[in-house]
Amino acid sequence: MAAHDTSHLHAPIHDASGAVPISTAAELVGTTARMLRYREALGLLPRTQDSPTGRGHRHRRFTEEDLATIGAGLEMERELDIPPAALAFALRVLAEPELLVRVRRHGERLGRLSAAPARAMDFEKEKAMRLLHGSRPRPRL
């Protein structure tokens, strides 16, 4: 029986830039390639500028900086005892002001958050009214 050529099965662990394929990246951060793909779908992996390779497929490579970022996210999830989807939602809330307002209002209705202080808004409103009417500020008591 002739020996099979298996050299194609042993791709280099990293390329010239030091980037590693998803299987190696997963091993290095202590998870699976499937979980990294899931995390990517949730928006929890650093964005890539990689071009598609082969027949339009993108074979993502991970740099040391990518691995550090992924590791920090995994550590945060462990520390806070939250699933990846919860972290992804938290990032979405921070990135979308309208969603932040909706979540805040819900938290206020639940009694988990106190209403935002109105005093700063009152000051700004009073200032705007003074500017509109050209009047001097009234002394505060």
N, C-alpha and C. Protein backbone atom coordinates (compact mmCIF):
# COMPACT_ATOMS: atom_id res chain seq x y z
N MET A 1 0.83 -1.16 0.00
CA MET A 1 0.00 0.00 0.00
C MET A 1 0.89 1.24 0.00
N ALA A 2 0.60 2.18 -0.90
CA ALA A 2 1.42 3.39 -1.02
C ALA A 2 1.04 4.40 0.06
N ALA A 3 2.05 5.09 0.52
CA ALA A 3 1.81 6.12 1.54
C ALA A 3 1.14 7.32 0.88
N HIS A 4 0.20 7.93 1.59
CA HIS A 4 -0.49 9.12 1.09
C HIS A 4 0.30 10.37 1.45
N ASP A 5 0.28 11.34 0.56
CA ASP A 5 0.93 12.62 0.82
C ASP A 5 0.02 13.44 1.74
N THR A 6 0.49 13.73 2.93
CA THR A 6 -0.31 14.50 3.90
C THR A 6 0.25 15.88 4.14
N SER A 7 1.18 16.31 3.30
CA SER A 7 1.81 17.62 3.53
C SER A 7 0.79 18.76 3.45
N HIS A 8 -0.28 18.59 2.65
CA HIS A 8 -1.29 19.65 2.53
C HIS A 8 -2.13 19.77 3.81
N LEU A 9 -2.10 18.78 4.67
CA LEU A 9 -2.89 18.82 5.90
C LEU A 9 -2.20 19.62 7.00
N HIS A 10 -0.94 19.90 6.82
CA HIS A 10 -0.18 20.60 7.85
C HIS A 10 0.18 22.00 7.37
N ALA A 11 -0.83 22.86 7.31
CA ALA A 11 -0.61 24.24 6.89
C ALA A 11 0.20 24.95 7.97
N PRO A 12 0.94 25.97 7.59
CA PRO A 12 1.72 26.70 8.59
C PRO A 12 0.79 27.28 9.66
N ILE A 13 1.29 27.31 10.89
CA ILE A 13 0.49 27.82 12.00
C ILE A 13 0.26 29.32 11.83
N HIS A 14 1.23 30.04 11.33
CA HIS A 14 1.05 31.48 11.13
C HIS A 14 1.66 31.89 9.81
N ASP A 15 1.18 33.00 9.29
CA ASP A 15 1.73 33.50 8.03
C ASP A 15 2.88 34.47 8.32
N ALA A 16 3.35 35.13 7.29
CA ALA A 16 4.50 36.04 7.43
C ALA A 16 4.23 37.16 8.43
N SER A 17 2.96 37.56 8.57
CA SER A 17 2.64 38.65 9.50
C SER A 17 2.45 38.15 10.93
N GLY A 18 2.50 36.83 11.13
CA GLY A 18 2.30 36.28 12.45
C GLY A 18 0.85 35.93 12.74
N ALA A 19 -0.04 36.18 11.78
CA ALA A 19 -1.46 35.87 11.96
C ALA A 19 -1.68 34.36 11.88
N VAL A 20 -2.68 33.89 12.64
CA VAL A 20 -2.95 32.45 12.70
C VAL A 20 -4.37 32.17 12.20
N PRO A 21 -4.60 30.95 11.72
CA PRO A 21 -5.95 30.58 11.26
C PRO A 21 -6.89 30.39 12.45
N ILE A 22 -8.16 30.27 12.16
CA ILE A 22 -9.19 30.22 13.20
C ILE A 22 -8.99 29.04 14.16
N SER A 23 -8.58 27.89 13.66
CA SER A 23 -8.40 26.73 14.53
C SER A 23 -7.30 26.97 15.57
N THR A 24 -6.21 27.58 15.12
CA THR A 24 -5.12 27.90 16.04
C THR A 24 -5.53 29.00 17.00
N ALA A 25 -6.23 30.01 16.47
CA ALA A 25 -6.70 31.11 17.32
C ALA A 25 -7.60 30.58 18.43
N ALA A 26 -8.51 29.70 18.06
CA ALA A 26 -9.43 29.13 19.04
C ALA A 26 -8.67 28.40 20.14
N GLU A 27 -7.70 27.61 19.74
CA GLU A 27 -6.90 26.88 20.72
C GLU A 27 -6.14 27.84 21.64
N LEU A 28 -5.60 28.91 21.06
CA LEU A 28 -4.82 29.86 21.84
C LEU A 28 -5.65 30.62 22.88
N VAL A 29 -6.93 30.88 22.57
CA VAL A 29 -7.78 31.61 23.52
C VAL A 29 -8.66 30.68 24.35
N GLY A 30 -8.52 29.37 24.13
CA GLY A 30 -9.23 28.40 24.96
C GLY A 30 -10.68 28.18 24.60
N THR A 31 -10.99 28.20 23.31
CA THR A 31 -12.36 27.95 22.86
C THR A 31 -12.31 27.13 21.57
N THR A 32 -13.41 27.06 20.86
CA THR A 32 -13.46 26.29 19.62
C THR A 32 -13.60 27.23 18.42
N ALA A 33 -13.27 26.72 17.25
CA ALA A 33 -13.45 27.51 16.03
C ALA A 33 -14.93 27.83 15.84
N ARG A 34 -15.78 26.90 16.18
CA ARG A 34 -17.23 27.14 16.05
C ARG A 34 -17.67 28.30 16.95
N MET A 35 -17.14 28.36 18.16
CA MET A 35 -17.49 29.45 19.07
C MET A 35 -16.95 30.78 18.56
N LEU A 36 -15.77 30.78 17.95
CA LEU A 36 -15.24 32.02 17.39
C LEU A 36 -16.13 32.50 16.23
N ARG A 37 -16.62 31.57 15.41
CA ARG A 37 -17.51 31.95 14.32
C ARG A 37 -18.82 32.53 14.88
N TYR A 38 -19.33 31.93 15.96
CA TYR A 38 -20.54 32.43 16.63
C TYR A 38 -20.28 33.84 17.16
N ARG A 39 -19.15 34.02 17.81
CA ARG A 39 -18.80 35.33 18.37
C ARG A 39 -18.65 36.37 17.25
N GLU A 40 -18.13 35.94 16.10
CA GLU A 40 -18.01 36.85 14.96
C GLU A 40 -19.39 37.26 14.47
N ALA A 41 -20.33 36.32 14.41
CA ALA A 41 -21.70 36.62 13.98
C ALA A 41 -22.36 37.61 14.94
N LEU A 42 -21.99 37.57 16.22
CA LEU A 42 -22.54 38.50 17.21
C LEU A 42 -21.84 39.86 17.19
N GLY A 43 -20.75 39.96 16.45
CA GLY A 43 -20.00 41.22 16.40
C GLY A 43 -18.99 41.36 17.52
N LEU A 44 -18.55 40.23 18.09
CA LEU A 44 -17.63 40.27 19.22
C LEU A 44 -16.17 40.03 18.83
N LEU A 45 -15.89 39.95 17.55
CA LEU A 45 -14.50 39.81 17.11
C LEU A 45 -14.08 41.11 16.45
N PRO A 46 -12.81 41.44 16.56
CA PRO A 46 -12.34 42.66 15.89
C PRO A 46 -12.62 42.57 14.39
N ARG A 47 -12.93 43.71 13.80
CA ARG A 47 -13.19 43.72 12.36
C ARG A 47 -11.92 43.36 11.60
N THR A 48 -12.12 42.77 10.44
CA THR A 48 -10.98 42.36 9.63
C THR A 48 -10.99 43.11 8.31
N GLN A 49 -9.81 43.31 7.77
CA GLN A 49 -9.67 43.94 6.47
C GLN A 49 -9.25 42.90 5.43
N ASP A 50 -9.30 41.62 5.84
CA ASP A 50 -8.88 40.55 4.93
C ASP A 50 -9.74 40.51 3.68
N SER A 51 -9.10 40.25 2.56
CA SER A 51 -9.82 40.06 1.30
C SER A 51 -10.20 38.60 1.19
N PRO A 52 -11.27 38.32 0.43
CA PRO A 52 -11.62 36.91 0.21
C PRO A 52 -10.48 36.20 -0.50
N THR A 53 -10.33 34.92 -0.19
CA THR A 53 -9.31 34.10 -0.85
C THR A 53 -10.01 32.94 -1.52
N GLY A 54 -9.31 32.25 -2.35
CA GLY A 54 -9.90 31.08 -3.01
C GLY A 54 -11.07 31.49 -3.89
N ARG A 55 -12.16 30.75 -3.79
CA ARG A 55 -13.34 31.02 -4.62
C ARG A 55 -14.33 31.91 -3.87
N GLY A 56 -13.87 33.05 -3.41
CA GLY A 56 -14.75 33.99 -2.74
C GLY A 56 -14.89 33.74 -1.26
N HIS A 57 -14.21 32.74 -0.74
CA HIS A 57 -14.30 32.46 0.69
C HIS A 57 -13.24 33.25 1.43
N ARG A 58 -13.61 33.73 2.59
CA ARG A 58 -12.65 34.48 3.40
C ARG A 58 -12.11 33.54 4.46
N HIS A 59 -10.82 33.36 4.47
CA HIS A 59 -10.18 32.54 5.50
C HIS A 59 -9.54 33.50 6.47
N ARG A 60 -10.26 33.79 7.50
CA ARG A 60 -9.85 34.80 8.48
C ARG A 60 -8.57 34.38 9.17
N ARG A 61 -7.68 35.32 9.37
CA ARG A 61 -6.44 35.13 10.11
C ARG A 61 -6.51 36.06 11.32
N PHE A 62 -5.96 35.63 12.43
CA PHE A 62 -6.03 36.39 13.67
C PHE A 62 -4.64 36.84 14.10
N THR A 63 -4.51 38.12 14.36
CA THR A 63 -3.23 38.68 14.81
C THR A 63 -3.15 38.56 16.34
N GLU A 64 -1.98 38.86 16.88
CA GLU A 64 -1.83 38.86 18.34
C GLU A 64 -2.78 39.85 18.99
N GLU A 65 -2.96 41.01 18.36
CA GLU A 65 -3.88 42.02 18.88
C GLU A 65 -5.32 41.49 18.88
N ASP A 66 -5.71 40.79 17.79
CA ASP A 66 -7.04 40.18 17.74
C ASP A 66 -7.22 39.20 18.89
N LEU A 67 -6.21 38.37 19.10
CA LEU A 67 -6.29 37.35 20.15
C LEU A 67 -6.40 37.99 21.53
N ALA A 68 -5.68 39.09 21.75
CA ALA A 68 -5.76 39.79 23.04
C ALA A 68 -7.16 40.37 23.24
N THR A 69 -7.74 40.93 22.19
CA THR A 69 -9.08 41.50 22.27
C THR A 69 -10.12 40.41 22.54
N ILE A 70 -10.00 39.30 21.84
CA ILE A 70 -10.92 38.18 22.05
C ILE A 70 -10.78 37.65 23.48
N GLY A 71 -9.55 37.51 23.92
CA GLY A 71 -9.30 37.03 25.28
C GLY A 71 -9.90 37.95 26.33
N ALA A 72 -9.80 39.26 26.11
CA ALA A 72 -10.37 40.23 27.06
C ALA A 72 -11.89 40.08 27.11
N GLY A 73 -12.52 39.86 25.97
CA GLY A 73 -13.97 39.66 25.93
C GLY A 73 -14.37 38.39 26.66
N LEU A 74 -13.63 37.31 26.43
CA LEU A 74 -13.92 36.04 27.12
C LEU A 74 -13.76 36.19 28.62
N GLU A 75 -12.72 36.90 29.04
CA GLU A 75 -12.47 37.12 30.47
C GLU A 75 -13.61 37.93 31.09
N MET A 76 -14.07 38.96 30.39
CA MET A 76 -15.17 39.77 30.90
C MET A 76 -16.44 38.92 31.07
N GLU A 77 -16.71 38.07 30.09
CA GLU A 77 -17.88 37.19 30.19
C GLU A 77 -17.77 36.27 31.40
N ARG A 78 -16.56 35.74 31.63
CA ARG A 78 -16.37 34.87 32.80
C ARG A 78 -16.55 35.64 34.11
N GLU A 79 -15.92 36.81 34.18
CA GLU A 79 -16.00 37.63 35.40
C GLU A 79 -17.43 38.03 35.72
N LEU A 80 -18.18 38.41 34.69
CA LEU A 80 -19.55 38.89 34.89
C LEU A 80 -20.58 37.77 34.83
N ASP A 81 -20.12 36.56 34.50
CA ASP A 81 -21.00 35.40 34.36
C ASP A 81 -22.13 35.68 33.39
N ILE A 82 -21.75 36.12 32.17
CA ILE A 82 -22.73 36.42 31.13
C ILE A 82 -22.38 35.66 29.86
N PRO A 83 -23.38 35.34 29.04
CA PRO A 83 -23.11 34.69 27.76
C PRO A 83 -22.64 35.71 26.72
N PRO A 84 -22.05 35.25 25.64
CA PRO A 84 -21.60 36.17 24.59
C PRO A 84 -22.73 37.07 24.07
N ALA A 85 -23.94 36.54 23.96
CA ALA A 85 -25.06 37.35 23.45
C ALA A 85 -25.34 38.54 24.35
N ALA A 86 -25.15 38.40 25.65
CA ALA A 86 -25.38 39.52 26.58
C ALA A 86 -24.34 40.61 26.36
N LEU A 87 -23.09 40.22 26.15
CA LEU A 87 -22.05 41.21 25.88
C LEU A 87 -22.32 41.91 24.55
N ALA A 88 -22.74 41.14 23.55
CA ALA A 88 -23.05 41.73 22.24
C ALA A 88 -24.19 42.74 22.37
N PHE A 89 -25.20 42.42 23.17
CA PHE A 89 -26.32 43.34 23.35
C PHE A 89 -25.87 44.60 24.09
N ALA A 90 -25.02 44.44 25.09
CA ALA A 90 -24.52 45.60 25.83
C ALA A 90 -23.77 46.54 24.88
N LEU A 91 -22.97 45.98 24.00
CA LEU A 91 -22.25 46.81 23.03
C LEU A 91 -23.22 47.52 22.08
N ARG A 92 -24.27 46.81 21.70
CA ARG A 92 -25.28 47.41 20.81
C ARG A 92 -25.97 48.58 21.52
N VAL A 93 -26.31 48.42 22.79
CA VAL A 93 -26.95 49.49 23.56
C VAL A 93 -26.05 50.71 23.60
N LEU A 94 -24.77 50.50 23.83
CA LEU A 94 -23.83 51.62 23.89
C LEU A 94 -23.65 52.30 22.54
N ALA A 95 -23.77 51.54 21.46
CA ALA A 95 -23.54 52.08 20.12
C ALA A 95 -24.77 52.74 19.51
N GLU A 96 -25.97 52.42 20.02
CA GLU A 96 -27.21 52.94 19.44
C GLU A 96 -27.95 53.79 20.47
N PRO A 97 -27.83 55.12 20.39
CA PRO A 97 -28.45 55.99 21.39
C PRO A 97 -29.95 55.76 21.58
N GLU A 98 -30.68 55.49 20.51
CA GLU A 98 -32.13 55.28 20.65
C GLU A 98 -32.42 54.02 21.47
N LEU A 99 -31.63 53.00 21.27
CA LEU A 99 -31.80 51.77 22.04
C LEU A 99 -31.43 52.01 23.50
N LEU A 100 -30.40 52.79 23.73
CA LEU A 100 -30.01 53.13 25.10
C LEU A 100 -31.16 53.81 25.83
N VAL A 101 -31.85 54.72 25.16
CA VAL A 101 -32.98 55.42 25.76
C VAL A 101 -34.09 54.42 26.10
N ARG A 102 -34.39 53.53 25.17
CA ARG A 102 -35.46 52.54 25.41
C ARG A 102 -35.13 51.63 26.58
N VAL A 103 -33.88 51.17 26.65
CA VAL A 103 -33.47 50.28 27.73
C VAL A 103 -33.49 51.03 29.06
N ARG A 104 -33.03 52.28 29.05
CA ARG A 104 -33.03 53.09 30.27
C ARG A 104 -34.45 53.29 30.78
N ARG A 105 -35.36 53.64 29.89
CA ARG A 105 -36.77 53.83 30.30
C ARG A 105 -37.34 52.56 30.90
N HIS A 106 -37.02 51.45 30.29
CA HIS A 106 -37.52 50.17 30.83
C HIS A 106 -36.95 49.92 32.22
N GLY A 107 -35.67 50.19 32.39
CA GLY A 107 -35.04 50.05 33.72
C GLY A 107 -35.68 50.95 34.75
N GLU A 108 -36.05 52.16 34.34
CA GLU A 108 -36.74 53.08 35.25
C GLU A 108 -38.12 52.54 35.63
N ARG A 109 -38.86 52.01 34.64
CA ARG A 109 -40.19 51.45 34.93
C ARG A 109 -40.10 50.26 35.87
N LEU A 110 -39.03 49.48 35.72
CA LEU A 110 -38.84 48.32 36.59
C LEU A 110 -38.39 48.72 37.99
N GLY A 111 -37.92 49.95 38.13
CA GLY A 111 -37.41 50.39 39.42
C GLY A 111 -35.96 50.02 39.64
N ARG A 112 -35.28 49.54 38.60
CA ARG A 112 -33.87 49.18 38.72
C ARG A 112 -32.96 50.37 38.46
N LEU A 113 -33.48 51.40 37.80
CA LEU A 113 -32.72 52.62 37.54
C LEU A 113 -33.54 53.81 38.02
N SER A 114 -32.87 54.79 38.59
CA SER A 114 -33.58 55.99 38.99
C SER A 114 -33.64 56.92 37.78
N ALA A 115 -34.65 57.75 37.74
CA ALA A 115 -34.81 58.70 36.63
C ALA A 115 -33.59 59.61 36.58
N ALA A 116 -33.20 59.96 35.37
CA ALA A 116 -32.07 60.86 35.19
C ALA A 116 -32.37 62.20 35.85
N PRO A 117 -31.41 62.80 36.51
CA PRO A 117 -31.66 64.08 37.18
C PRO A 117 -32.10 65.14 36.17
N ALA A 118 -33.16 65.83 36.50
CA ALA A 118 -33.71 66.86 35.61
C ALA A 118 -33.05 68.21 35.84
N ARG A 119 -32.33 68.36 36.95
CA ARG A 119 -31.76 69.66 37.31
C ARG A 119 -30.87 70.22 36.20
N ALA A 120 -30.01 69.40 35.61
CA ALA A 120 -29.13 69.88 34.55
C ALA A 120 -29.95 70.35 33.35
N MET A 121 -31.01 69.65 33.04
CA MET A 121 -31.86 70.05 31.93
C MET A 121 -32.57 71.35 32.24
N ASP A 122 -33.00 71.52 33.50
CA ASP A 122 -33.66 72.76 33.89
C ASP A 122 -32.72 73.94 33.72
N PHE A 123 -31.47 73.77 34.10
CA PHE A 123 -30.48 74.83 33.96
C PHE A 123 -30.30 75.20 32.49
N GLU A 124 -30.17 74.18 31.64
CA GLU A 124 -29.98 74.43 30.21
C GLU A 124 -31.21 75.10 29.61
N LYS A 125 -32.39 74.68 30.04
CA LYS A 125 -33.63 75.28 29.54
C LYS A 125 -33.71 76.75 29.95
N GLU A 126 -33.38 77.03 31.20
CA GLU A 126 -33.40 78.40 31.70
C GLU A 126 -32.39 79.26 30.95
N LYS A 127 -31.22 78.72 30.69
CA LYS A 127 -30.18 79.44 29.95
C LYS A 127 -30.67 79.77 28.54
N ALA A 128 -31.30 78.81 27.88
CA ALA A 128 -31.81 79.02 26.53
C ALA A 128 -32.90 80.10 26.52
N MET A 129 -33.76 80.06 27.51
CA MET A 129 -34.83 81.07 27.59
C MET A 129 -34.24 82.47 27.79
N ARG A 130 -33.22 82.59 28.62
CA ARG A 130 -32.56 83.89 28.83
C ARG A 130 -31.98 84.41 27.53
N LEU A 131 -31.33 83.51 26.78
CA LEU A 131 -30.72 83.93 25.52
C LEU A 131 -31.79 84.36 24.52
N LEU A 132 -32.89 83.67 24.50
CA LEU A 132 -33.98 84.02 23.58
C LEU A 132 -34.59 85.38 23.92
N HIS A 133 -34.75 85.64 25.19
CA HIS A 133 -35.42 86.87 25.63
C HIS A 133 -34.44 88.00 25.95
N GLY A 134 -33.17 87.71 25.90
CA GLY A 134 -32.15 88.74 26.15
C GLY A 134 -32.17 89.26 27.58
N SER A 135 -32.63 88.48 28.50
CA SER A 135 -32.68 88.94 29.89
C SER A 135 -31.46 88.45 30.66
N ARG A 136 -31.22 89.12 31.75
CA ARG A 136 -30.12 88.74 32.62
C ARG A 136 -30.57 87.62 33.54
N PRO A 137 -29.61 86.81 33.99
CA PRO A 137 -29.98 85.71 34.88
C PRO A 137 -30.52 86.22 36.21
N ARG A 138 -31.52 85.50 36.71
CA ARG A 138 -32.07 85.82 38.03
C ARG A 138 -31.18 85.21 39.07
N PRO A 139 -30.96 85.92 40.17
CA PRO A 139 -30.13 85.32 41.22
C PRO A 139 -30.83 84.12 41.84
N ARG A 140 -30.07 83.07 42.10
CA ARG A 140 -30.61 81.86 42.72
C ARG A 140 -30.59 82.03 44.23
N LEU A 141 -31.60 81.51 44.86
CA LEU A 141 -31.69 81.58 46.32
C LEU A 141 -31.23 80.30 46.96
